[in-house]
C-alpha atoms as a PDB file:
ATOM      1  CA  MET A   1      -4.859   5.180   2.347  1.00  0.00           C
ATOM      2  CA  ASN A   2      -7.886   7.188   3.259  1.00  0.00           C
ATOM      3  CA  LEU A   3      -9.469   6.964   6.745  1.00  0.00           C
ATOM      4  CA  GLY A   4     -12.280   4.896   5.530  1.00  0.00           C
ATOM      5  CA  THR A   5      -9.895   2.459   3.688  1.00  0.00           C
ATOM      6  CA  VAL A   6      -7.978   2.057   7.008  1.00  0.00           C
ATOM      7  CA  ILE A   7     -11.139   1.364   8.977  1.00  0.00           C
ATOM      8  CA  ARG A   8     -12.234  -1.163   6.390  1.00  0.00           C
ATOM      9  CA  LYS A   9      -8.862  -2.928   6.515  1.00  0.00           C
ATOM     10  CA  CYS A  10      -8.814  -3.059  10.224  1.00  0.00           C
ATOM     11  CA  ARG A  11     -12.379  -4.404  10.376  1.00  0.00           C
ATOM     12  CA  ARG A  12     -11.664  -7.103   7.737  1.00  0.00           C
ATOM     13  CA  GLU A  13      -8.457  -8.144   9.468  1.00  0.00           C
ATOM     14  CA  ARG A  14     -10.527  -8.845  12.595  1.00  0.00           C
ATOM     15  CA  LYS A  15     -13.127 -10.614  10.502  1.00  0.00           C
ATOM     16  CA  LEU A  16     -15.935  -8.265  11.681  1.00  0.00           C
ATOM     17  CA  THR A  17     -18.926  -7.508   9.498  1.00  0.00           C
ATOM     18  CA  LEU A  18     -20.418  -4.033   8.917  1.00  0.00           C
ATOM     19  CA  LYS A  19     -23.440  -4.994  10.861  1.00  0.00           C
ATOM     20  CA  VAL A  20     -21.420  -5.987  14.054  1.00  0.00           C
ATOM     21  CA  VAL A  21     -19.204  -2.967  14.122  1.00  0.00           C
ATOM     22  CA  ALA A  22     -22.139  -0.574  13.431  1.00  0.00           C
ATOM     23  CA  GLU A  23     -24.095  -2.163  16.218  1.00  0.00           C
ATOM     24  CA  ARG A  24     -21.145  -1.887  18.719  1.00  0.00           C
ATOM     25  CA  ALA A  25     -20.615   1.720  17.628  1.00  0.00           C
ATOM     26  CA  SER A  26     -24.246   2.590  17.857  1.00  0.00           C
ATOM     27  CA  ILE A  27     -24.382   3.882  14.228  1.00  0.00           C
ATOM     28  CA  SER A  28     -26.208   2.645  11.212  1.00  0.00           C
ATOM     29  CA  GLU A  29     -24.694  -0.056   8.864  1.00  0.00           C
ATOM     30  CA  GLY A  30     -25.286   2.408   5.928  1.00  0.00           C
ATOM     31  CA  PHE A  31     -23.263   5.162   7.633  1.00  0.00           C
ATOM     32  CA  LEU A  32     -20.298   2.897   8.402  1.00  0.00           C
ATOM     33  CA  SER A  33     -20.370   1.790   4.778  1.00  0.00           C
ATOM     34  CA  GLN A  34     -20.279   5.455   3.752  1.00  0.00           C
ATOM     35  CA  VAL A  35     -17.364   6.049   6.133  1.00  0.00           C
ATOM     36  CA  GLU A  36     -15.421   3.097   4.785  1.00  0.00           C
ATOM     37  CA  ASN A  37     -16.003   4.255   1.193  1.00  0.00           C
ATOM     38  CA  ASP A  38     -14.945   7.794   2.074  1.00  0.00           C
ATOM     39  CA  VAL A  39     -18.413   9.227   1.216  1.00  0.00           C
ATOM     40  CA  SER A  40     -19.032  10.499   4.751  1.00  0.00           C
ATOM     41  CA  SER A  41     -16.610  11.522   7.563  1.00  0.00           C
ATOM     42  CA  PRO A  42     -17.399  10.596  11.099  1.00  0.00           C
ATOM     43  CA  SER A  43     -17.142  13.053  13.997  1.00  0.00           C
ATOM     44  CA  VAL A  44     -14.400  12.489  16.422  1.00  0.00           C
ATOM     45  CA  ASP A  45     -16.712  10.928  18.882  1.00  0.00           C
ATOM     46  CA  THR A  46     -18.123   8.555  16.217  1.00  0.00           C
ATOM     47  CA  LEU A  47     -14.589   7.779  15.012  1.00  0.00           C
ATOM     48  CA  ILE A  48     -13.527   6.770  18.527  1.00  0.00           C
ATOM     49  CA  ARG A  49     -16.735   4.485  18.838  1.00  0.00           C
ATOM     50  CA  ILE A  50     -16.004   2.824  15.477  1.00  0.00           C
ATOM     51  CA  CYS A  51     -12.362   2.161  16.568  1.00  0.00           C
ATOM     52  CA  ASN A  52     -13.458   0.794  19.911  1.00  0.00           C
ATOM     53  CA  ALA A  53     -15.940  -1.449  18.170  1.00  0.00           C
ATOM     54  CA  ILE A  54     -13.190  -2.745  15.950  1.00  0.00           C
ATOM     55  CA  GLY A  55     -10.666  -2.937  18.771  1.00  0.00           C
ATOM     56  CA  VAL A  56      -8.125  -0.366  17.397  1.00  0.00           C
ATOM     57  CA  ASN A  57      -6.775   2.804  18.955  1.00  0.00           C
ATOM     58  CA  ALA A  58      -8.126   5.934  17.074  1.00  0.00           C
ATOM     59  CA  GLY A  59      -4.750   7.695  17.448  1.00  0.00           C
ATOM     60  CA  ASP A  60      -2.979   4.676  15.882  1.00  0.00           C
ATOM     61  CA  LEU A  61      -5.512   4.626  13.076  1.00  0.00           C
ATOM     62  CA  ILE A  62      -5.094   8.354  12.329  1.00  0.00           C
ATOM     63  CA  SER A  63      -1.344   7.957  12.471  1.00  0.00           C
ATOM     64  CA  GLN A  64      -1.543   5.085   9.933  1.00  0.00           C
ATOM     65  CA  VAL A  65      -3.482   7.389   7.602  1.00  0.00           C
ATOM     66  CA  SER A  66      -1.030  10.197   7.940  1.00  0.00           C
ATOM     67  CA  LYS A  67       1.972   7.888   7.015  1.00  0.00           C
ATOM     68  CA  GLN A  68       0.313   6.706   3.765  1.00  0.00           C
ATOM     69  CA  THR A  69       2.304   6.722   0.614  1.00  0.00           C
ATOM     70  CA  LYS A  70       1.191   9.607  -1.484  1.00  0.00           C
ATOM     71  CA  VAL A  71       3.413   9.185  -4.553  1.00  0.00           C
ATOM     72  CA  VAL A  72       4.559   6.047  -6.343  1.00  0.00           C
ATOM     73  CA  LEU A  73       7.159   6.539  -9.063  1.00  0.00           C
ATOM     74  CA  ILE A  74       8.084   3.904 -11.631  1.00  0.00           C
ATOM     75  CA  ARG A  75      11.144   4.985 -13.718  1.00  0.00           C
ATOM     76  CA  LYS A  76      11.601   3.778 -17.181  1.00  0.00           C
ATOM     77  CA  SER A  77      14.987   2.386 -16.197  1.00  0.00           C
ATOM     78  CA  GLU A  78      12.979  -0.091 -13.878  1.00  0.00           C
ATOM     79  CA  TRP A  79      11.183  -1.606 -16.938  1.00  0.00           C
ATOM     80  CA  ASP A  80      14.102  -3.996 -17.599  1.00  0.00           C
ATOM     81  CA  GLU A  81      13.885  -5.456 -14.023  1.00  0.00           C
ATOM     82  CA  ILE A  82      10.545  -6.982 -14.688  1.00  0.00           C
ATOM     83  CA  ASP A  83      10.475 -10.863 -14.912  1.00  0.00           C
ATOM     84  CA  LEU A  84       7.594 -12.023 -16.999  1.00  0.00           C
ATOM     85  CA  SER A  85       5.921 -15.223 -15.679  1.00  0.00           C
ATOM     86  CA  HIS A  86       4.587 -18.036 -17.897  1.00  0.00           C
ATOM     87  CA  THR A  87       1.486 -15.975 -18.501  1.00  0.00           C
ATOM     88  CA  GLY A  88       3.447 -13.519 -20.544  1.00  0.00           C
ATOM     89  CA  PHE A  89       2.277 -10.385 -18.880  1.00  0.00           C
ATOM     90  CA  VAL A  90       2.945  -8.386 -15.648  1.00  0.00           C
ATOM     91  CA  THR A  91       0.951  -5.703 -14.083  1.00  0.00           C
ATOM     92  CA  ARG A  92       3.032  -3.195 -12.165  1.00  0.00           C
ATOM     93  CA  ARG A  93       0.448  -1.369  -9.860  1.00  0.00           C
ATOM     94  CA  PHE A  94       1.164   2.046  -8.537  1.00  0.00           C
ATOM     95  CA  PHE A  95      -0.861   1.493  -5.281  1.00  0.00           C
ATOM     96  CA  SER A  96      -2.041  -1.494  -3.427  1.00  0.00           C
ATOM     97  CA  PRO A  97      -5.698  -2.496  -3.513  1.00  0.00           C
ATOM     98  CA  ASP A  98      -6.387  -0.864  -0.150  1.00  0.00           C
ATOM     99  CA  ASP A  99      -5.021   2.407  -1.495  1.00  0.00           C
ATOM    100  CA  ARG A 100      -7.226   2.522  -4.598  1.00  0.00           C
ATOM    101  CA  THR A 101     -10.752   3.958  -4.022  1.00  0.00           C
ATOM    102  CA  VAL A 102     -11.750   5.762  -7.287  1.00  0.00           C
ATOM    103  CA  ILE A 103      -9.213   4.790  -9.880  1.00  0.00           C
ATOM    104  CA  ASP A 104      -6.720   2.002 -10.520  1.00  0.00           C
ATOM    105  CA  SER A 105      -3.546   2.438 -12.563  1.00  0.00           C
ATOM    106  CA  SER A 106      -0.600   0.319 -13.607  1.00  0.00           C
ATOM    107  CA  ILE A 107       2.077  -0.296 -16.175  1.00  0.00           C
ATOM    108  CA  LEU A 108       1.115  -3.351 -18.283  1.00  0.00           C
ATOM    109  CA  VAL A 109       4.057  -5.386 -19.662  1.00  0.00           C
ATOM    110  CA  VAL A 110       2.837  -7.701 -22.360  1.00  0.00           C
ATOM    111  CA  ASP A 111       5.069 -10.292 -24.149  1.00  0.00           C
ATOM    112  CA  PRO A 112       4.527 -10.922 -27.894  1.00  0.00           C
ATOM    113  CA  GLY A 113       1.559 -13.090 -28.613  1.00  0.00           C
ATOM    114  CA  LYS A 114       0.051 -12.723 -25.165  1.00  0.00           C
ATOM    115  CA  SER A 115      -3.113 -11.105 -23.821  1.00  0.00           C
ATOM    116  CA  ILE A 116      -4.043  -9.367 -20.634  1.00  0.00           C
ATOM    117  CA  PRO A 117      -7.250 -10.880 -18.866  1.00  0.00           C
ATOM    118  CA  VAL A 118     -10.210  -8.482 -18.560  1.00  0.00           C
ATOM    119  CA  ARG A 119     -11.111  -7.047 -15.145  1.00  0.00           C
ATOM    120  CA  LYS A 120     -13.938  -9.006 -13.473  1.00  0.00           C
ATOM    121  CA  ASN A 121     -17.087  -7.638 -11.976  1.00  0.00           C
ATOM    122  CA  ILE A 122     -16.655  -4.173 -13.571  1.00  0.00           C
ATOM    123  CA  LYS A 123     -19.689  -2.167 -14.412  1.00  0.00           C
ATOM    124  CA  ASN A 124     -19.971   1.410 -15.830  1.00  0.00           C
ATOM    125  CA  ALA A 125     -16.242   1.758 -15.691  1.00  0.00           C
ATOM    126  CA  GLN A 126     -13.884   3.744 -17.948  1.00  0.00           C
ATOM    127  CA  GLU A 127     -10.322   2.910 -19.142  1.00  0.00           C
ATOM    128  CA  VAL A 128      -7.483   4.766 -20.665  1.00  0.00           C
ATOM    129  CA  LEU A 129      -4.570   2.988 -22.384  1.00  0.00           C
ATOM    130  CA  CYS A 130      -1.360   4.778 -23.460  1.00  0.00           C
ATOM    131  CA  VAL A 131       1.304   2.747 -25.311  1.00  0.00           C
ATOM    132  CA  LEU A 132       4.684   3.633 -23.905  1.00  0.00           C
ATOM    133  CA  LYS A 133       6.747   1.269 -25.958  1.00  0.00           C
ATOM    134  CA  GLY A 134       5.729  -1.352 -28.560  1.00  0.00           C
ATOM    135  CA  SER A 135       2.157  -1.894 -29.869  1.00  0.00           C
ATOM    136  CA  ILE A 136      -1.060  -3.647 -28.745  1.00  0.00           C
ATOM    137  CA  GLU A 137      -4.530  -4.507 -30.143  1.00  0.00           C
ATOM    138  CA  LEU A 138      -7.530  -3.462 -28.165  1.00  0.00           C
ATOM    139  CA  MET A 139     -10.653  -5.490 -29.090  1.00  0.00           C
ATOM    140  CA  LEU A 140     -13.934  -3.892 -28.126  1.00  0.00           C
ATOM    141  CA  SER A 141     -17.055  -5.793 -29.143  1.00  0.00           C
ATOM    142  CA  GLU A 142     -16.736  -6.167 -33.040  1.00  0.00           C
ATOM    143  CA  GLU A 143     -14.022  -3.459 -33.351  1.00  0.00           C
ATOM    144  CA  THR A 144     -10.189  -3.966 -33.107  1.00  0.00           C
ATOM    145  CA  TYR A 145      -7.886  -0.958 -32.674  1.00  0.00           C
ATOM    146  CA  THR A 146      -4.183  -1.184 -33.224  1.00  0.00           C
ATOM    147  CA  LEU A 147      -2.228   1.157 -31.004  1.00  0.00           C
ATOM    148  CA  VAL A 148       1.543   1.972 -31.424  1.00  0.00           C
ATOM    149  CA  GLU A 149       3.991   3.846 -29.177  1.00  0.00           C
ATOM    150  CA  GLY A 150       2.419   7.228 -28.220  1.00  0.00           C
ATOM    151  CA  ASP A 151      -1.163   6.259 -29.082  1.00  0.00           C
ATOM    152  CA  CYS A 152      -3.800   6.647 -26.379  1.00  0.00           C
ATOM    153  CA  VAL A 153      -7.404   5.464 -26.125  1.00  0.00           C
ATOM    154  CA  HIS A 154     -10.252   6.198 -23.662  1.00  0.00           C
ATOM    155  CA  PHE A 155     -13.131   3.748 -23.713  1.00  0.00           C
ATOM    156  CA  LEU A 156     -16.092   2.463 -21.697  1.00  0.00           C
ATOM    157  CA  SER A 157     -15.202  -1.000 -20.217  1.00  0.00           C
ATOM    158  CA  ASN A 158     -16.961  -3.880 -21.635  1.00  0.00           C
ATOM    159  CA  PRO A 159     -15.809  -7.110 -19.844  1.00  0.00           C
ATOM    160  CA  ASP A 160     -17.937  -9.357 -21.991  1.00  0.00           C
ATOM    161  CA  SER A 161     -16.242  -8.394 -25.243  1.00  0.00           C
ATOM    162  CA  GLN A 162     -12.945  -6.776 -24.514  1.00  0.00           C
ATOM    163  CA  LYS A 163      -9.342  -7.980 -24.897  1.00  0.00           C
ATOM    164  CA  ILE A 164      -5.906  -6.368 -24.945  1.00  0.00           C
ATOM    165  CA  THR A 165      -3.256  -8.437 -27.003  1.00  0.00           C
ATOM    166  CA  ASN A 166       0.337  -7.904 -28.046  1.00  0.00           C
ATOM    167  CA  ASP A 167       0.510  -9.266 -31.572  1.00  0.00           C
ATOM    168  CA  SER A 168       3.907  -7.697 -32.254  1.00  0.00           C
ATOM    169  CA  THR A 169       7.292  -9.357 -31.981  1.00  0.00           C
ATOM    170  CA  ALA A 170       8.497  -7.186 -29.090  1.00  0.00           C
ATOM    171  CA  THR A 171       7.447  -6.801 -25.455  1.00  0.00           C
ATOM    172  CA  SER A 172       5.068  -3.880 -25.039  1.00  0.00           C
ATOM    173  CA  PHE A 173       4.724  -1.387 -22.220  1.00  0.00           C
ATOM    174  CA  VAL A 174       1.288   0.313 -21.735  1.00  0.00           C
ATOM    175  CA  LEU A 175       0.064   2.797 -19.145  1.00  0.00           C
ATOM    176  CA  TRP A 176      -3.381   1.642 -17.988  1.00  0.00           C
ATOM    177  CA  VAL A 177      -5.801   3.735 -15.904  1.00  0.00           C
ATOM    178  CA  GLY A 178      -9.369   2.514 -15.033  1.00  0.00           C
ATOM    179  CA  THR A 179     -12.214   3.624 -12.750  1.00  0.00           C
ATOM    180  CA  LEU A 180     -13.466   1.203 -10.209  1.00  0.00           C
END
């Protein structure tokens, strides 16, 4: 987690709005938003004011940032440990939502005949799929692309007309990476 992500998480846990924290910290709401999105870094004095406004100790917050997970490894041997639910697919994320700021990534496990739902509320995003095992079909608008083991594709997201389906007879494993 980055500093901004931890600040946002603490603020939301306490059910505080950007406006309330910004007023308490004597900073603009826009600047606080930039800090939470890791666009701007606060000075030490401003960080302390933000932490006081939220009700957290600045030292504890910095300690939390320094203890973050920096590497998540999913070994191929772990693929067999995945229980597929009634939906027929599982998404094995590398990082939790709070740790994702620019890109998202996961291993998609898709049973035969099943599809992965499209990400919601995504605009101007890009995605990469790399088939690790099995095969999938990627539908983008009017085009359908069949990808087999080793194939990769990079495309602009189109939530209105996009679908990833496993039309094969075996479970497929796909590395997926997408911008937020």
